[in-house]
Amino acid sequence: DEASFGIVQSMSSFMLMFHPSSSENITLTCQIYNEDDAFFVSINSGKITVGQGITPHPDIAIQADLKIIPDIIAGLTTLDEAQSSQRFELLQGDPATASTFLGLFRVPFPVSA
């Protein structure tokens, strides 16, 4: 169905956007919720794992409109702006850890404003 396709597409986009050299000494797990779906992204010393469902003990957890995440990564909007617009909510963890997590990714394609 369309919702599952959106989650699979979002999971794949994290794999494509991952910038391994920026994460050589970082171990960090993010749980991401979107409406009724959930997936996680784990970073461990330059390697990424993405999976559908819930991961135990994430460092950060977010509820997000999945279209806003590439905009934050690309610098088209800030984390504060995304939170103010209620398209991104930090459910667990602190903003510095969320910024570190998002900084491990690069947008490899143009993002329209």
N, C-alpha and C. Protein backbone atom coordinates (compact mmCIF):
# COMPACT_ATOMS: atom_id res chain seq x y z
N ASP A 1 0.82 -1.20 0.00
CA ASP A 1 0.00 0.00 0.00
C ASP A 1 0.87 1.25 0.00
N GLU A 2 0.23 2.40 -0.17
CA GLU A 2 0.96 3.67 -0.34
C GLU A 2 1.76 4.06 0.91
N ALA A 3 1.20 3.84 2.10
CA ALA A 3 1.91 4.19 3.34
C ALA A 3 3.17 3.36 3.49
N SER A 4 3.07 2.05 3.23
CA SER A 4 4.26 1.19 3.33
C SER A 4 5.31 1.60 2.32
N PHE A 5 4.88 1.94 1.11
CA PHE A 5 5.83 2.40 0.10
C PHE A 5 6.55 3.65 0.58
N GLY A 6 5.84 4.58 1.23
CA GLY A 6 6.45 5.80 1.73
C GLY A 6 7.52 5.52 2.76
N ILE A 7 7.27 4.56 3.66
CA ILE A 7 8.24 4.21 4.69
C ILE A 7 9.45 3.54 4.04
N VAL A 8 9.23 2.61 3.13
CA VAL A 8 10.34 1.94 2.45
C VAL A 8 11.18 2.95 1.68
N GLN A 9 10.53 3.87 1.00
CA GLN A 9 11.23 4.93 0.27
C GLN A 9 12.04 5.80 1.24
N SER A 10 11.47 6.14 2.38
CA SER A 10 12.19 6.96 3.36
C SER A 10 13.37 6.21 3.95
N MET A 11 13.18 4.93 4.23
CA MET A 11 14.29 4.12 4.75
C MET A 11 15.42 4.07 3.73
N SER A 12 15.08 3.88 2.46
CA SER A 12 16.09 3.84 1.40
C SER A 12 16.80 5.18 1.26
N SER A 13 16.05 6.27 1.43
CA SER A 13 16.68 7.58 1.28
C SER A 13 17.73 7.83 2.36
N PHE A 14 17.50 7.30 3.58
CA PHE A 14 18.52 7.44 4.62
C PHE A 14 19.80 6.70 4.21
N MET A 15 19.64 5.54 3.58
CA MET A 15 20.81 4.79 3.11
C MET A 15 21.57 5.61 2.05
N LEU A 16 20.83 6.25 1.15
CA LEU A 16 21.45 7.05 0.08
C LEU A 16 22.10 8.32 0.61
N MET A 17 21.50 8.93 1.63
CA MET A 17 22.00 10.20 2.14
C MET A 17 23.15 10.04 3.14
N PHE A 18 23.36 8.82 3.63
CA PHE A 18 24.36 8.59 4.67
C PHE A 18 25.76 8.96 4.18
N HIS A 19 26.49 9.66 5.04
CA HIS A 19 27.85 10.12 4.73
C HIS A 19 28.81 9.43 5.71
N PRO A 20 29.32 8.24 5.34
CA PRO A 20 30.09 7.43 6.30
C PRO A 20 31.29 8.11 6.93
N SER A 21 32.00 8.93 6.18
CA SER A 21 33.21 9.53 6.73
C SER A 21 32.92 10.50 7.87
N SER A 22 31.69 10.99 7.95
CA SER A 22 31.35 11.91 9.05
C SER A 22 30.93 11.17 10.31
N SER A 23 30.93 9.83 10.26
CA SER A 23 30.42 9.07 11.39
C SER A 23 31.39 8.02 11.92
N GLU A 24 32.67 8.19 11.63
CA GLU A 24 33.65 7.15 11.96
C GLU A 24 33.70 6.79 13.44
N ASN A 25 33.52 7.74 14.32
CA ASN A 25 33.61 7.47 15.76
C ASN A 25 32.28 7.67 16.48
N ILE A 26 31.18 7.50 15.74
CA ILE A 26 29.85 7.78 16.31
C ILE A 26 29.01 6.50 16.34
N THR A 27 28.37 6.28 17.47
CA THR A 27 27.38 5.22 17.62
C THR A 27 26.10 5.91 18.09
N LEU A 28 25.04 5.81 17.29
CA LEU A 28 23.83 6.57 17.54
C LEU A 28 22.65 5.87 16.88
N THR A 29 21.54 5.78 17.59
CA THR A 29 20.33 5.18 17.01
C THR A 29 19.17 6.16 17.14
N CYS A 30 18.45 6.29 16.04
CA CYS A 30 17.29 7.18 15.98
C CYS A 30 16.05 6.38 15.62
N GLN A 31 15.02 6.52 16.42
CA GLN A 31 13.71 5.94 16.13
C GLN A 31 12.89 7.02 15.45
N ILE A 32 12.28 6.71 14.31
CA ILE A 32 11.51 7.69 13.55
C ILE A 32 10.07 7.20 13.42
N TYR A 33 9.14 8.06 13.82
CA TYR A 33 7.71 7.76 13.70
C TYR A 33 7.10 8.70 12.68
N ASN A 34 6.22 8.15 11.85
CA ASN A 34 5.45 8.95 10.90
C ASN A 34 4.06 8.36 10.87
N GLU A 35 3.10 9.13 11.35
CA GLU A 35 1.72 8.68 11.44
C GLU A 35 1.69 7.33 12.15
N ASP A 36 1.27 6.25 11.48
CA ASP A 36 1.15 4.95 12.12
C ASP A 36 2.35 4.05 11.89
N ASP A 37 3.38 4.54 11.23
CA ASP A 37 4.54 3.73 10.88
C ASP A 37 5.75 4.12 11.71
N ALA A 38 6.70 3.19 11.79
CA ALA A 38 7.94 3.47 12.53
C ALA A 38 9.09 2.72 11.86
N PHE A 39 10.25 3.37 11.89
CA PHE A 39 11.47 2.71 11.47
C PHE A 39 12.62 3.32 12.25
N PHE A 40 13.78 2.67 12.18
CA PHE A 40 14.92 3.16 12.94
C PHE A 40 16.14 3.22 12.03
N VAL A 41 17.06 4.10 12.42
CA VAL A 41 18.34 4.25 11.74
C VAL A 41 19.42 4.15 12.81
N SER A 42 20.31 3.17 12.66
CA SER A 42 21.42 3.00 13.60
C SER A 42 22.74 3.26 12.89
N ILE A 43 23.57 4.06 13.52
CA ILE A 43 24.89 4.39 13.00
C ILE A 43 25.90 3.79 13.97
N ASN A 44 26.89 3.08 13.43
CA ASN A 44 27.92 2.50 14.27
C ASN A 44 29.25 2.57 13.54
N SER A 45 30.06 3.57 13.89
CA SER A 45 31.42 3.72 13.35
C SER A 45 31.49 3.59 11.84
N GLY A 46 30.74 4.44 11.15
CA GLY A 46 30.81 4.49 9.69
C GLY A 46 29.89 3.53 8.97
N LYS A 47 29.08 2.78 9.70
CA LYS A 47 28.14 1.84 9.09
C LYS A 47 26.72 2.22 9.48
N ILE A 48 25.78 1.99 8.56
CA ILE A 48 24.39 2.32 8.81
C ILE A 48 23.54 1.06 8.71
N THR A 49 22.56 0.97 9.60
CA THR A 49 21.54 -0.07 9.55
C THR A 49 20.20 0.64 9.63
N VAL A 50 19.30 0.28 8.72
CA VAL A 50 17.96 0.85 8.71
C VAL A 50 16.97 -0.31 8.76
N GLY A 51 15.96 -0.20 9.62
CA GLY A 51 14.98 -1.27 9.72
C GLY A 51 13.61 -0.76 10.04
N GLN A 52 12.62 -1.53 9.66
CA GLN A 52 11.24 -1.16 9.94
C GLN A 52 10.88 -1.63 11.33
N GLY A 53 10.06 -0.85 12.03
CA GLY A 53 9.61 -1.23 13.36
C GLY A 53 10.28 -0.41 14.46
N ILE A 54 10.25 -0.96 15.65
CA ILE A 54 10.73 -0.27 16.85
C ILE A 54 12.06 -0.88 17.29
N THR A 55 13.01 -0.02 17.66
CA THR A 55 14.28 -0.48 18.21
C THR A 55 14.31 -0.16 19.70
N PRO A 56 14.86 -1.05 20.52
CA PRO A 56 14.92 -0.76 21.95
C PRO A 56 15.99 0.30 22.26
N HIS A 57 15.71 1.18 23.14
CA HIS A 57 16.66 2.15 23.69
C HIS A 57 17.32 3.05 22.63
N PRO A 58 16.54 3.75 21.81
CA PRO A 58 17.17 4.68 20.87
C PRO A 58 17.77 5.88 21.61
N ASP A 59 18.78 6.50 21.00
CA ASP A 59 19.36 7.71 21.58
C ASP A 59 18.43 8.89 21.40
N ILE A 60 17.77 8.93 20.26
CA ILE A 60 16.75 9.95 20.01
C ILE A 60 15.55 9.29 19.35
N ALA A 61 14.39 9.90 19.54
CA ALA A 61 13.17 9.47 18.87
C ALA A 61 12.48 10.71 18.35
N ILE A 62 12.04 10.63 17.11
CA ILE A 62 11.36 11.78 16.49
C ILE A 62 10.06 11.34 15.84
N GLN A 63 9.13 12.28 15.82
CA GLN A 63 7.88 12.16 15.04
C GLN A 63 8.04 13.21 13.95
N ALA A 64 7.96 12.78 12.69
CA ALA A 64 8.25 13.76 11.64
C ALA A 64 7.44 13.51 10.38
N ASP A 65 7.16 14.60 9.70
CA ASP A 65 6.72 14.57 8.31
C ASP A 65 7.99 14.22 7.55
N LEU A 66 8.02 13.07 6.90
CA LEU A 66 9.26 12.58 6.30
C LEU A 66 9.80 13.48 5.20
N LYS A 67 8.98 14.37 4.67
CA LYS A 67 9.45 15.29 3.63
C LYS A 67 10.30 16.42 4.21
N ILE A 68 10.17 16.67 5.52
CA ILE A 68 10.93 17.78 6.12
C ILE A 68 12.37 17.37 6.42
N ILE A 69 12.64 16.10 6.61
CA ILE A 69 14.00 15.67 7.00
C ILE A 69 15.03 16.01 5.93
N PRO A 70 14.80 15.72 4.63
CA PRO A 70 15.79 16.14 3.62
C PRO A 70 15.95 17.67 3.56
N ASP A 71 14.88 18.42 3.84
CA ASP A 71 14.98 19.88 3.87
C ASP A 71 15.90 20.35 4.99
N ILE A 72 15.81 19.70 6.15
CA ILE A 72 16.70 20.04 7.26
C ILE A 72 18.14 19.68 6.89
N ILE A 73 18.34 18.49 6.36
CA ILE A 73 19.68 18.03 5.98
C ILE A 73 20.29 18.95 4.93
N ALA A 74 19.47 19.40 3.97
CA ALA A 74 19.96 20.27 2.89
C ALA A 74 20.14 21.71 3.33
N GLY A 75 19.68 22.06 4.54
CA GLY A 75 19.80 23.43 5.01
C GLY A 75 18.71 24.36 4.51
N LEU A 76 17.63 23.79 3.97
CA LEU A 76 16.52 24.62 3.48
C LEU A 76 15.63 25.09 4.62
N THR A 77 15.68 24.39 5.74
CA THR A 77 14.99 24.80 6.95
C THR A 77 15.84 24.35 8.13
N THR A 78 15.65 25.00 9.26
CA THR A 78 16.41 24.61 10.46
C THR A 78 15.59 23.64 11.29
N LEU A 79 16.25 22.99 12.21
CA LEU A 79 15.56 22.10 13.14
C LEU A 79 14.53 22.88 13.95
N ASP A 80 14.90 24.07 14.39
CA ASP A 80 13.96 24.91 15.16
C ASP A 80 12.73 25.28 14.33
N GLU A 81 12.95 25.65 13.05
CA GLU A 81 11.82 25.98 12.17
C GLU A 81 10.91 24.78 11.95
N ALA A 82 11.52 23.61 11.76
CA ALA A 82 10.73 22.40 11.55
C ALA A 82 9.91 22.06 12.79
N GLN A 83 10.51 22.26 13.96
CA GLN A 83 9.78 22.00 15.20
C GLN A 83 8.66 23.02 15.40
N SER A 84 8.92 24.28 15.08
CA SER A 84 7.90 25.33 15.20
C SER A 84 6.72 25.08 14.28
N SER A 85 6.99 24.52 13.10
CA SER A 85 5.92 24.24 12.14
C SER A 85 5.19 22.95 12.47
N GLN A 86 5.61 22.27 13.52
CA GLN A 86 5.03 21.01 13.99
C GLN A 86 5.16 19.89 12.95
N ARG A 87 6.18 19.99 12.10
CA ARG A 87 6.46 18.92 11.12
C ARG A 87 7.57 18.01 11.63
N PHE A 88 8.17 18.37 12.77
CA PHE A 88 9.27 17.60 13.37
C PHE A 88 9.18 17.78 14.87
N GLU A 89 9.04 16.68 15.59
CA GLU A 89 8.97 16.75 17.05
C GLU A 89 9.99 15.79 17.64
N LEU A 90 10.82 16.29 18.51
CA LEU A 90 11.80 15.47 19.21
C LEU A 90 11.09 14.86 20.42
N LEU A 91 10.86 13.55 20.38
CA LEU A 91 10.13 12.85 21.45
C LEU A 91 11.05 12.38 22.57
N GLN A 92 12.29 12.09 22.22
CA GLN A 92 13.26 11.58 23.19
C GLN A 92 14.64 12.04 22.77
N GLY A 93 15.47 12.38 23.75
CA GLY A 93 16.82 12.84 23.45
C GLY A 93 16.87 14.36 23.44
N ASP A 94 18.03 14.89 23.12
CA ASP A 94 18.19 16.34 23.16
C ASP A 94 18.47 16.89 21.75
N PRO A 95 18.24 18.19 21.56
CA PRO A 95 18.44 18.79 20.24
C PRO A 95 19.87 18.64 19.70
N ALA A 96 20.86 18.66 20.58
CA ALA A 96 22.25 18.51 20.11
C ALA A 96 22.47 17.13 19.49
N THR A 97 21.90 16.09 20.11
CA THR A 97 22.02 14.74 19.56
C THR A 97 21.26 14.63 18.25
N ALA A 98 20.09 15.26 18.16
CA ALA A 98 19.33 15.26 16.90
C ALA A 98 20.13 15.95 15.80
N SER A 99 20.77 17.07 16.12
CA SER A 99 21.61 17.79 15.14
C SER A 99 22.79 16.94 14.70
N THR A 100 23.41 16.24 15.66
CA THR A 100 24.52 15.34 15.33
C THR A 100 24.04 14.27 14.37
N PHE A 101 22.90 13.66 14.68
CA PHE A 101 22.34 12.61 13.83
C PHE A 101 22.09 13.13 12.42
N LEU A 102 21.39 14.24 12.30
CA LEU A 102 21.06 14.79 10.98
C LEU A 102 22.31 15.23 10.22
N GLY A 103 23.36 15.60 10.95
CA GLY A 103 24.62 16.00 10.32
C GLY A 103 25.39 14.84 9.70
N LEU A 104 24.95 13.61 9.92
CA LEU A 104 25.60 12.44 9.34
C LEU A 104 25.11 12.12 7.93
N PHE A 105 24.24 12.98 7.42
CA PHE A 105 23.63 12.74 6.12
C PHE A 105 23.84 13.93 5.20
N ARG A 106 23.86 13.67 3.91
CA ARG A 106 23.98 14.70 2.87
C ARG A 106 22.90 14.42 1.83
N VAL A 107 22.34 15.45 1.27
CA VAL A 107 21.36 15.28 0.21
C VAL A 107 22.11 15.18 -1.11
N PRO A 108 22.09 13.99 -1.77
CA PRO A 108 22.86 13.80 -2.99
C PRO A 108 22.16 14.29 -4.25
N PHE A 109 21.00 14.92 -4.08
CA PHE A 109 20.23 15.38 -5.22
C PHE A 109 19.59 16.72 -4.86
N PRO A 110 19.21 17.53 -5.85
CA PRO A 110 18.60 18.82 -5.54
C PRO A 110 17.26 18.65 -4.80
N VAL A 111 17.05 19.49 -3.82
CA VAL A 111 15.80 19.51 -3.07
C VAL A 111 15.13 20.83 -3.37
N SER A 112 13.88 20.79 -3.79
CA SER A 112 13.17 22.03 -4.12
C SER A 112 12.68 22.69 -2.86
N ALA A 113 12.72 24.01 -2.83
CA ALA A 113 12.29 24.77 -1.65
C ALA A 113 10.79 24.91 -1.64
